[in-house]
C-alpha atoms as a PDB file:
ATOM      1  CA  MET A   1     -17.339   5.785  -6.381  1.00  0.00           C
ATOM      2  CA  GLN A   2     -16.952   9.085  -6.113  1.00  0.00           C
ATOM      3  CA  ASP A   3     -15.831  11.160  -8.767  1.00  0.00           C
ATOM      4  CA  ILE A   4     -11.605  11.510  -9.260  1.00  0.00           C
ATOM      5  CA  ALA A   5      -9.810  15.024  -8.358  1.00  0.00           C
ATOM      6  CA  GLN A   6      -6.657  15.822  -9.035  1.00  0.00           C
ATOM      7  CA  PHE A   7      -3.885  17.006  -6.829  1.00  0.00           C
ATOM      8  CA  ALA A   8      -0.946  19.478  -8.173  1.00  0.00           C
ATOM      9  CA  MET A   9       2.674  18.514  -6.868  1.00  0.00           C
ATOM     10  CA  PRO A  10       5.291  21.186  -6.297  1.00  0.00           C
ATOM     11  CA  ASP A  11       6.748  20.587  -9.804  1.00  0.00           C
ATOM     12  CA  GLY A  12       3.183  20.516 -10.971  1.00  0.00           C
ATOM     13  CA  ARG A  13       2.507  16.749 -12.205  1.00  0.00           C
ATOM     14  CA  ARG A  14      -0.992  15.953 -11.141  1.00  0.00           C
ATOM     15  CA  ILE A  15      -1.897  12.970  -8.980  1.00  0.00           C
ATOM     16  CA  ALA A  16      -5.332  11.385  -9.224  1.00  0.00           C
ATOM     17  CA  TYR A  17      -7.236  10.628  -6.049  1.00  0.00           C
ATOM     18  CA  ARG A  18     -10.295   9.710  -4.526  1.00  0.00           C
ATOM     19  CA  HIS A  19     -11.536  11.047  -0.827  1.00  0.00           C
ATOM     20  CA  THR A  20     -14.196  10.399   1.514  1.00  0.00           C
ATOM     21  CA  PRO A  21     -13.838  12.626   4.549  1.00  0.00           C
ATOM     22  CA  PRO A  22     -15.644  11.509   8.124  1.00  0.00           C
ATOM     23  CA  ALA A  23     -18.728  11.920   9.076  1.00  0.00           C
ATOM     24  CA  MET A  24     -19.035  14.629  12.230  1.00  0.00           C
ATOM     25  CA  GLY A  25     -17.883  12.858  14.831  1.00  0.00           C
ATOM     26  CA  ASP A  26     -15.852   9.715  13.427  1.00  0.00           C
ATOM     27  CA  MET A  27     -12.417   9.757  15.156  1.00  0.00           C
ATOM     28  CA  ARG A  28     -11.342   6.712  13.532  1.00  0.00           C
ATOM     29  CA  PRO A  29      -8.038   7.098  11.396  1.00  0.00           C
ATOM     30  CA  THR A  30      -8.619   7.715   7.645  1.00  0.00           C
ATOM     31  CA  LEU A  31      -7.536   4.668   5.524  1.00  0.00           C
ATOM     32  CA  VAL A  32      -5.324   5.034   2.915  1.00  0.00           C
ATOM     33  CA  PHE A  33      -5.167   2.838   0.067  1.00  0.00           C
ATOM     34  CA  LEU A  34      -1.408   2.023  -1.277  1.00  0.00           C
ATOM     35  CA  PRO A  35      -1.737   0.054  -4.745  1.00  0.00           C
ATOM     36  CA  GLY A  36       0.883  -2.453  -6.141  1.00  0.00           C
ATOM     37  CA  TYR A  37       3.111  -2.105  -8.610  1.00  0.00           C
ATOM     38  CA  MET A  38       1.371  -0.875 -11.819  1.00  0.00           C
ATOM     39  CA  SER A  39      -1.827  -0.964  -9.890  1.00  0.00           C
ATOM     40  CA  ASP A  40      -3.878   2.012  -9.453  1.00  0.00           C
ATOM     41  CA  MET A  41      -7.387   2.795  -7.223  1.00  0.00           C
ATOM     42  CA  ASP A  42      -9.577   1.094  -9.367  1.00  0.00           C
ATOM     43  CA  GLY A  43      -8.621  -2.354  -8.417  1.00  0.00           C
ATOM     44  CA  GLY A  44     -11.421  -4.359  -6.491  1.00  0.00           C
ATOM     45  CA  LYS A  45      -9.616  -4.409  -3.088  1.00  0.00           C
ATOM     46  CA  ALA A  46      -9.254  -0.529  -3.286  1.00  0.00           C
ATOM     47  CA  THR A  47     -12.873   0.138  -4.421  1.00  0.00           C
ATOM     48  CA  ALA A  48     -13.999  -2.103  -1.969  1.00  0.00           C
ATOM     49  CA  LEU A  49     -12.305  -0.440   0.839  1.00  0.00           C
ATOM     50  CA  PHE A  50     -13.521   2.883  -0.415  1.00  0.00           C
ATOM     51  CA  ALA A  51     -17.071   2.102  -0.462  1.00  0.00           C
ATOM     52  CA  HIS A  52     -17.089   0.093   3.068  1.00  0.00           C
ATOM     53  CA  ALA A  53     -15.530   3.261   4.426  1.00  0.00           C
ATOM     54  CA  LYS A  54     -18.047   5.515   3.027  1.00  0.00           C
ATOM     55  CA  ALA A  55     -20.785   3.647   4.090  1.00  0.00           C
ATOM     56  CA  GLN A  56     -19.562   3.795   7.756  1.00  0.00           C
ATOM     57  CA  GLY A  57     -19.033   7.281   7.419  1.00  0.00           C
ATOM     58  CA  ARG A  58     -15.286   6.699   8.107  1.00  0.00           C
ATOM     59  CA  GLY A  59     -12.478   8.801   6.020  1.00  0.00           C
ATOM     60  CA  CYS A  60     -10.955   7.094   2.965  1.00  0.00           C
ATOM     61  CA  LEU A  61      -8.007   8.072   0.578  1.00  0.00           C
ATOM     62  CA  LEU A  62      -7.264   6.318  -2.761  1.00  0.00           C
ATOM     63  CA  LEU A  63      -4.502   7.362  -5.283  1.00  0.00           C
ATOM     64  CA  ASP A  64      -2.984   6.546  -8.615  1.00  0.00           C
ATOM     65  CA  TYR A  65       0.718   7.085  -8.437  1.00  0.00           C
ATOM     66  CA  SER A  66       2.221   9.474 -10.998  1.00  0.00           C
ATOM     67  CA  GLY A  67       2.491   7.190 -14.077  1.00  0.00           C
ATOM     68  CA  CYS A  68      -0.127   4.954 -12.910  1.00  0.00           C
ATOM     69  CA  GLY A  69      -3.641   5.024 -13.543  1.00  0.00           C
ATOM     70  CA  SER A  70      -5.675   8.408 -14.219  1.00  0.00           C
ATOM     71  CA  SER A  71      -2.073  10.467 -12.935  1.00  0.00           C
ATOM     72  CA  ASP A  72       0.272  12.756 -14.973  1.00  0.00           C
ATOM     73  CA  GLY A  73       3.464  10.993 -15.938  1.00  0.00           C
ATOM     74  CA  ASP A  74       5.296   8.333 -17.345  1.00  0.00           C
ATOM     75  CA  PHE A  75       5.732   5.066 -15.487  1.00  0.00           C
ATOM     76  CA  ALA A  76       9.400   4.731 -16.583  1.00  0.00           C
ATOM     77  CA  ASP A  77      10.146   7.842 -14.482  1.00  0.00           C
ATOM     78  CA  GLY A  78       8.147   6.174 -11.242  1.00  0.00           C
ATOM     79  CA  THR A  79      10.395   5.362  -7.962  1.00  0.00           C
ATOM     80  CA  LEU A  80       9.804   4.726  -4.312  1.00  0.00           C
ATOM     81  CA  THR A  81      10.980   7.597  -3.556  1.00  0.00           C
ATOM     82  CA  ARG A  82       8.892   9.632  -5.826  1.00  0.00           C
ATOM     83  CA  TRP A  83       5.790   7.790  -4.962  1.00  0.00           C
ATOM     84  CA  GLN A  84       6.620   8.037  -1.468  1.00  0.00           C
ATOM     85  CA  ASP A  85       6.575  11.686  -1.653  1.00  0.00           C
ATOM     86  CA  GLU A  86       3.542  12.106  -3.786  1.00  0.00           C
ATOM     87  CA  VAL A  87       1.375  10.025  -0.639  1.00  0.00           C
ATOM     88  CA  LEU A  88       3.126  12.003   2.385  1.00  0.00           C
ATOM     89  CA  THR A  89       2.117  15.387   0.419  1.00  0.00           C
ATOM     90  CA  LEU A  90      -1.478  14.221  -0.384  1.00  0.00           C
ATOM     91  CA  ILE A  91      -2.021  12.959   3.192  1.00  0.00           C
ATOM     92  CA  ALA A  92      -0.573  16.246   4.580  1.00  0.00           C
ATOM     93  CA  ALA A  93      -2.890  18.260   2.070  1.00  0.00           C
ATOM     94  CA  ARG A  94      -6.457  16.225   2.177  1.00  0.00           C
ATOM     95  CA  VAL A  95      -5.924  14.444   5.730  1.00  0.00           C
ATOM     96  CA  SER A  96      -6.571  15.521   9.343  1.00  0.00           C
ATOM     97  CA  GLY A  97      -5.829  13.480  12.027  1.00  0.00           C
ATOM     98  CA  GLY A  98      -4.629   9.923  12.506  1.00  0.00           C
ATOM     99  CA  VAL A  99      -3.875   7.778   9.355  1.00  0.00           C
ATOM    100  CA  THR A 100      -4.240   3.712   9.168  1.00  0.00           C
ATOM    101  CA  LEU A 101      -2.154   2.413   6.011  1.00  0.00           C
ATOM    102  CA  VAL A 102      -3.591  -0.304   3.409  1.00  0.00           C
ATOM    103  CA  GLY A 103      -0.604  -1.866   1.305  1.00  0.00           C
ATOM    104  CA  SER A 104      -0.725  -4.057  -1.530  1.00  0.00           C
ATOM    105  CA  SER A 105       2.258  -5.939  -2.475  1.00  0.00           C
ATOM    106  CA  MET A 106       4.422  -3.347  -3.330  1.00  0.00           C
ATOM    107  CA  GLY A 107       2.290  -0.690  -1.609  1.00  0.00           C
ATOM    108  CA  GLY A 108       2.898  -2.701   0.896  1.00  0.00           C
ATOM    109  CA  TRP A 109       6.243  -1.696   0.941  1.00  0.00           C
ATOM    110  CA  LEU A 110       5.396   1.683   0.398  1.00  0.00           C
ATOM    111  CA  MET A 111       3.550   1.774   3.452  1.00  0.00           C
ATOM    112  CA  LEU A 112       6.368   1.340   5.279  1.00  0.00           C
ATOM    113  CA  LEU A 113       8.352   3.979   3.911  1.00  0.00           C
ATOM    114  CA  VAL A 114       5.319   6.359   3.964  1.00  0.00           C
ATOM    115  CA  ALA A 115       4.373   5.473   7.707  1.00  0.00           C
ATOM    116  CA  ARG A 116       8.052   6.300   8.649  1.00  0.00           C
ATOM    117  CA  GLY A 117       7.251   9.499   7.072  1.00  0.00           C
ATOM    118  CA  LEU A 118       3.988  10.195   9.524  1.00  0.00           C
ATOM    119  CA  ARG A 119       6.056   9.107  12.330  1.00  0.00           C
ATOM    120  CA  SER A 120       8.594  12.139  11.628  1.00  0.00           C
ATOM    121  CA  GLY A 121       6.068  14.011  10.540  1.00  0.00           C
ATOM    122  CA  GLY A 122       3.878  14.081  13.820  1.00  0.00           C
ATOM    123  CA  ASN A 123       3.110  10.927  15.073  1.00  0.00           C
ATOM    124  CA  ARG A 124       0.121  10.399  12.712  1.00  0.00           C
ATOM    125  CA  LEU A 125       0.639   6.363  12.290  1.00  0.00           C
ATOM    126  CA  ALA A 126      -2.630   4.480  13.716  1.00  0.00           C
ATOM    127  CA  GLY A 127      -1.711   1.328  12.127  1.00  0.00           C
ATOM    128  CA  MET A 128      -1.139  -0.843   9.266  1.00  0.00           C
ATOM    129  CA  VAL A 129      -2.666  -3.540   6.995  1.00  0.00           C
ATOM    130  CA  GLY A 130      -0.370  -5.373   4.585  1.00  0.00           C
ATOM    131  CA  ILE A 131      -1.906  -7.395   1.796  1.00  0.00           C
ATOM    132  CA  ALA A 132       0.732  -9.640   0.198  1.00  0.00           C
ATOM    133  CA  ALA A 133       3.326  -6.987   1.341  1.00  0.00           C
ATOM    134  CA  ALA A 134       6.610  -7.196  -0.891  1.00  0.00           C
ATOM    135  CA  PRO A 135       9.144  -5.357   0.822  1.00  0.00           C
ATOM    136  CA  ASP A 136      12.440  -5.693  -0.880  1.00  0.00           C
ATOM    137  CA  PHE A 137      11.361  -7.294  -4.172  1.00  0.00           C
ATOM    138  CA  SER A 138      14.519  -5.754  -5.625  1.00  0.00           C
ATOM    139  CA  ASP A 139      16.301  -8.374  -3.584  1.00  0.00           C
ATOM    140  CA  TRP A 140      14.544 -11.586  -3.676  1.00  0.00           C
ATOM    141  CA  GLY A 141      12.393 -10.560  -6.047  1.00  0.00           C
ATOM    142  CA  PHE A 142      15.438 -10.865  -9.537  1.00  0.00           C
ATOM    143  CA  ASP A 143      18.260 -13.586 -10.409  1.00  0.00           C
ATOM    144  CA  ALA A 144      21.577 -12.161 -10.824  1.00  0.00           C
ATOM    145  CA  ASP A 145      21.547 -12.157 -14.384  1.00  0.00           C
ATOM    146  CA  GLN A 146      18.553  -9.672 -13.994  1.00  0.00           C
ATOM    147  CA  LYS A 147      20.498  -7.660 -11.344  1.00  0.00           C
ATOM    148  CA  ALA A 148      23.485  -7.599 -13.556  1.00  0.00           C
ATOM    149  CA  GLN A 149      20.679  -6.080 -16.726  1.00  0.00           C
ATOM    150  CA  LEU A 150      19.220  -3.343 -13.852  1.00  0.00           C
ATOM    151  CA  ARG A 151      22.832  -2.407 -13.105  1.00  0.00           C
ATOM    152  CA  ARG A 152      24.066  -1.333 -16.649  1.00  0.00           C
ATOM    153  CA  SER A 153      20.855   0.588 -16.736  1.00  0.00           C
ATOM    154  CA  GLU A 154      18.955  -1.968 -18.934  1.00  0.00           C
ATOM    155  CA  THR A 155      14.986  -2.608 -18.636  1.00  0.00           C
ATOM    156  CA  VAL A 156      13.890  -6.279 -17.266  1.00  0.00           C
ATOM    157  CA  LEU A 157      10.879  -7.693 -19.089  1.00  0.00           C
ATOM    158  CA  GLU A 158       9.321 -10.506 -17.385  1.00  0.00           C
ATOM    159  CA  ASP A 159       6.085 -12.308 -18.416  1.00  0.00           C
ATOM    160  CA  ASN A 160       2.775 -10.705 -17.041  1.00  0.00           C
ATOM    161  CA  PRO A 161       0.412 -13.216 -15.552  1.00  0.00           C
ATOM    162  CA  TYR A 162      -2.364 -10.773 -15.199  1.00  0.00           C
ATOM    163  CA  GLY A 163      -2.299  -9.117 -18.713  1.00  0.00           C
ATOM    164  CA  PRO A 164      -0.608  -9.757 -22.362  1.00  0.00           C
ATOM    165  CA  GLU A 165       1.899  -6.928 -22.038  1.00  0.00           C
ATOM    166  CA  PRO A 166       5.068  -8.143 -20.444  1.00  0.00           C
ATOM    167  CA  THR A 167       6.101  -6.268 -16.877  1.00  0.00           C
ATOM    168  CA  PRO A 168       8.789  -3.537 -16.962  1.00  0.00           C
ATOM    169  CA  THR A 169      11.392  -2.963 -14.252  1.00  0.00           C
ATOM    170  CA  HIS A 170      13.518   0.038 -15.516  1.00  0.00           C
ATOM    171  CA  ALA A 171      16.969   0.521 -13.974  1.00  0.00           C
ATOM    172  CA  ALA A 172      15.968   3.972 -12.035  1.00  0.00           C
ATOM    173  CA  PHE A 173      13.345   2.296 -10.069  1.00  0.00           C
ATOM    174  CA  TRP A 174      15.355  -0.895  -8.939  1.00  0.00           C
ATOM    175  CA  GLN A 175      18.357   1.287  -7.699  1.00  0.00           C
ATOM    176  CA  ASP A 176      16.458   3.526  -6.122  1.00  0.00           C
ATOM    177  CA  ALA A 177      14.651   0.623  -4.169  1.00  0.00           C
ATOM    178  CA  VAL A 178      18.193  -1.080  -3.479  1.00  0.00           C
ATOM    179  CA  GLY A 179      18.385   2.150  -0.868  1.00  0.00           C
ATOM    180  CA  HIS A 180      14.573   1.508   0.469  1.00  0.00           C
ATOM    181  CA  GLU A 181      15.598  -2.329   1.428  1.00  0.00           C
ATOM    182  CA  LEU A 182      14.617  -2.906   4.953  1.00  0.00           C
ATOM    183  CA  LEU A 183      14.082  -6.727   6.266  1.00  0.00           C
ATOM    184  CA  GLY A 184      18.027  -6.843   6.962  1.00  0.00           C
ATOM    185  CA  SER A 185      17.541  -5.017  10.115  1.00  0.00           C
ATOM    186  CA  THR A 186      14.972  -3.975  12.798  1.00  0.00           C
ATOM    187  CA  ILE A 187      12.038  -1.525  11.327  1.00  0.00           C
ATOM    188  CA  PRO A 188      11.256   1.131  13.932  1.00  0.00           C
ATOM    189  CA  LEU A 189       7.555   1.259  13.893  1.00  0.00           C
ATOM    190  CA  ASP A 190       5.416  -0.244  16.973  1.00  0.00           C
ATOM    191  CA  CYS A 191       1.947   0.692  15.608  1.00  0.00           C
ATOM    192  CA  PRO A 192      -0.532  -2.025  15.366  1.00  0.00           C
ATOM    193  CA  VAL A 193       0.211  -4.526  11.951  1.00  0.00           C
ATOM    194  CA  ARG A 194      -1.884  -6.896  10.251  1.00  0.00           C
ATOM    195  CA  LEU A 195      -0.220  -8.930   7.429  1.00  0.00           C
ATOM    196  CA  LEU A 196      -2.574 -11.052   5.420  1.00  0.00           C
ATOM    197  CA  HIS A 197      -1.084 -13.418   2.606  1.00  0.00           C
ATOM    198  CA  GLY A 198      -2.191 -15.962   0.310  1.00  0.00           C
ATOM    199  CA  GLN A 199      -0.254 -19.304   0.492  1.00  0.00           C
ATOM    200  CA  ARG A 200      -0.906 -19.820  -3.034  1.00  0.00           C
ATOM    201  CA  ASP A 201       0.919 -16.403  -4.418  1.00  0.00           C
ATOM    202  CA  ALA A 202       3.014 -17.282  -6.952  1.00  0.00           C
ATOM    203  CA  ASP A 203       4.576 -13.670  -7.223  1.00  0.00           C
ATOM    204  CA  VAL A 204       5.542 -12.593  -3.357  1.00  0.00           C
ATOM    205  CA  PRO A 205       6.289 -15.967  -1.135  1.00  0.00           C
ATOM    206  CA  TRP A 206       4.349 -15.678   1.858  1.00  0.00           C
ATOM    207  CA  GLN A 207       7.339 -15.991   4.255  1.00  0.00           C
ATOM    208  CA  ILE A 208       8.069 -12.435   3.206  1.00  0.00           C
ATOM    209  CA  SER A 209       5.066 -11.469   5.553  1.00  0.00           C
ATOM    210  CA  LEU A 210       6.771 -13.477   8.429  1.00  0.00           C
ATOM    211  CA  ARG A 211      10.069 -11.954   7.622  1.00  0.00           C
ATOM    212  CA  LEU A 212       8.245  -8.903   7.878  1.00  0.00           C
ATOM    213  CA  ALA A 213       6.525  -9.763  11.189  1.00  0.00           C
ATOM    214  CA  ASP A 214      10.291 -10.287  12.619  1.00  0.00           C
ATOM    215  CA  ALA A 215      11.782  -7.095  11.333  1.00  0.00           C
ATOM    216  CA  LEU A 216       8.979  -5.005  12.542  1.00  0.00           C
ATOM    217  CA  GLY A 217       9.454  -3.118  16.093  1.00  0.00           C
ATOM    218  CA  SER A 218       6.025  -3.686  17.222  1.00  0.00           C
ATOM    219  CA  ASP A 219       4.826  -6.154  19.854  1.00  0.00           C
ATOM    220  CA  ASP A 220       1.193  -5.665  18.100  1.00  0.00           C
ATOM    221  CA  ILE A 221       1.730  -7.912  14.734  1.00  0.00           C
ATOM    222  CA  GLN A 222      -0.641 -10.463  13.567  1.00  0.00           C
ATOM    223  CA  VAL A 223      -0.234 -12.694  10.696  1.00  0.00           C
ATOM    224  CA  THR A 224      -3.153 -14.274   8.719  1.00  0.00           C
ATOM    225  CA  LEU A 225      -2.028 -16.865   6.114  1.00  0.00           C
ATOM    226  CA  VAL A 226      -4.892 -17.847   3.795  1.00  0.00           C
ATOM    227  CA  LYS A 227      -4.650 -21.630   2.255  1.00  0.00           C
ATOM    228  CA  GLN A 228      -6.189 -21.082  -0.516  1.00  0.00           C
ATOM    229  CA  ALA A 229      -5.873 -17.128  -1.529  1.00  0.00           C
ATOM    230  CA  ASP A 230      -3.249 -16.401  -4.684  1.00  0.00           C
ATOM    231  CA  HIS A 231      -1.275 -13.047  -4.756  1.00  0.00           C
ATOM    232  CA  ARG A 232      -3.884 -10.698  -5.730  1.00  0.00           C
ATOM    233  CA  MET A 233      -6.461 -12.215  -2.686  1.00  0.00           C
ATOM    234  CA  SER A 234      -9.085 -10.633  -4.913  1.00  0.00           C
ATOM    235  CA  ARG A 235     -11.883 -13.143  -3.898  1.00  0.00           C
ATOM    236  CA  ASP A 236     -15.008 -12.319  -2.292  1.00  0.00           C
ATOM    237  CA  GLU A 237     -13.915 -14.086   0.974  1.00  0.00           C
ATOM    238  CA  ASP A 238     -10.462 -12.426   0.917  1.00  0.00           C
ATOM    239  CA  ILE A 239     -11.840  -9.166   0.543  1.00  0.00           C
ATOM    240  CA  ALA A 240     -14.396  -9.811   3.357  1.00  0.00           C
ATOM    241  CA  LEU A 241     -11.354 -10.887   5.419  1.00  0.00           C
ATOM    242  CA  LEU A 242      -9.821  -7.731   4.702  1.00  0.00           C
ATOM    243  CA  LEU A 243     -12.377  -5.490   5.428  1.00  0.00           C
ATOM    244  CA  ARG A 244     -12.886  -7.264   9.069  1.00  0.00           C
ATOM    245  CA  VAL A 245      -9.184  -7.022   9.340  1.00  0.00           C
ATOM    246  CA  ILE A 246      -9.466  -3.082   9.434  1.00  0.00           C
ATOM    247  CA  ASP A 247     -12.602  -3.121  10.966  1.00  0.00           C
ATOM    248  CA  ASP A 248     -11.214  -5.131  13.816  1.00  0.00           C
ATOM    249  CA  LEU A 249      -7.587  -3.197  14.418  1.00  0.00           C
ATOM    250  CA  ASP A 250      -8.578   0.061  16.059  1.00  0.00           C
ATOM    251  CA  PRO A 251     -12.315  -1.192  18.223  1.00  0.00           C
ATOM    252  CA  SER A 252     -11.716   1.352  20.767  1.00  0.00           C
ATOM    253  CA  ALA A 253     -11.597   4.482  18.185  1.00  0.00           C
ATOM    254  CA  GLN A 254     -14.799   3.473  16.377  1.00  0.00           C
ATOM    255  CA  SER A 255     -17.453   6.252  16.010  1.00  0.00           C
ATOM    256  CA  THR A 256     -20.814   5.598  17.299  1.00  0.00           C
ATOM    257  CA  LYS A 257     -22.347   8.001  14.825  1.00  0.00           C
ATOM    258  CA  GLY A 258     -22.419   5.633  12.068  1.00  0.00           C
ATOM    259  CA  PRO A 259     -23.604   2.115  11.549  1.00  0.00           C
ATOM    260  CA  PRO A 260     -22.143  -0.617  13.515  1.00  0.00           C
ATOM    261  CA  CYS A 261     -19.378  -2.196  12.132  1.00  0.00           C
ATOM    262  CA  PRO A 262     -19.974  -5.941  10.800  1.00  0.00           C
END
């Protein structure tokens, strides 16, 4: 992996990122990976995507949201609005040309918000790939008692199947997220979209990907359900599927300079 760089936001907080630029003559959209809640750019899917893009001479950008991984900040201050601004600012500063967004879990929700920003800021959006995308989990992901706690500005703690510490949801995050819920109306994005979801996902029901496909305005949407995959979709075969889907998303834009896609 390439060394971590730091990008200074206007308020001084520093966002950690890794960027491999496209090879000369490569016209494919740069891949931008958006990790999930409390995740970072050192995860298996992110590192595999970065290595795959670099081997092909394709541009790729990874980042840690503020309060996550190697970036500055306190996780308790994180919100979708804050992280969306970080992603859009970093793309504007480091990426030229088109962008294909790849969002995992909460990153799949953030992907939609960033996509709207890219559309309004020069139509740079080339495509989207969601991995167990979790839009609107502020609604379907909490029961009535938990929502009441969050409205009272209390933190909700839940069992974490991936580590010893409970997973916190801070009231500021939840209250901001409610204002970004999307599935109740048409999402006016018309780029090619690919949605991957494991049917053994215990965190995000696979039906959410079907709801998202129905809500999106695009006519070029494919949903792939993987019967044996869980929420992380990080098995070797899941990552191989992800890379194939990304390579096939825009074959007309693939470069003739580098090695052929597998």
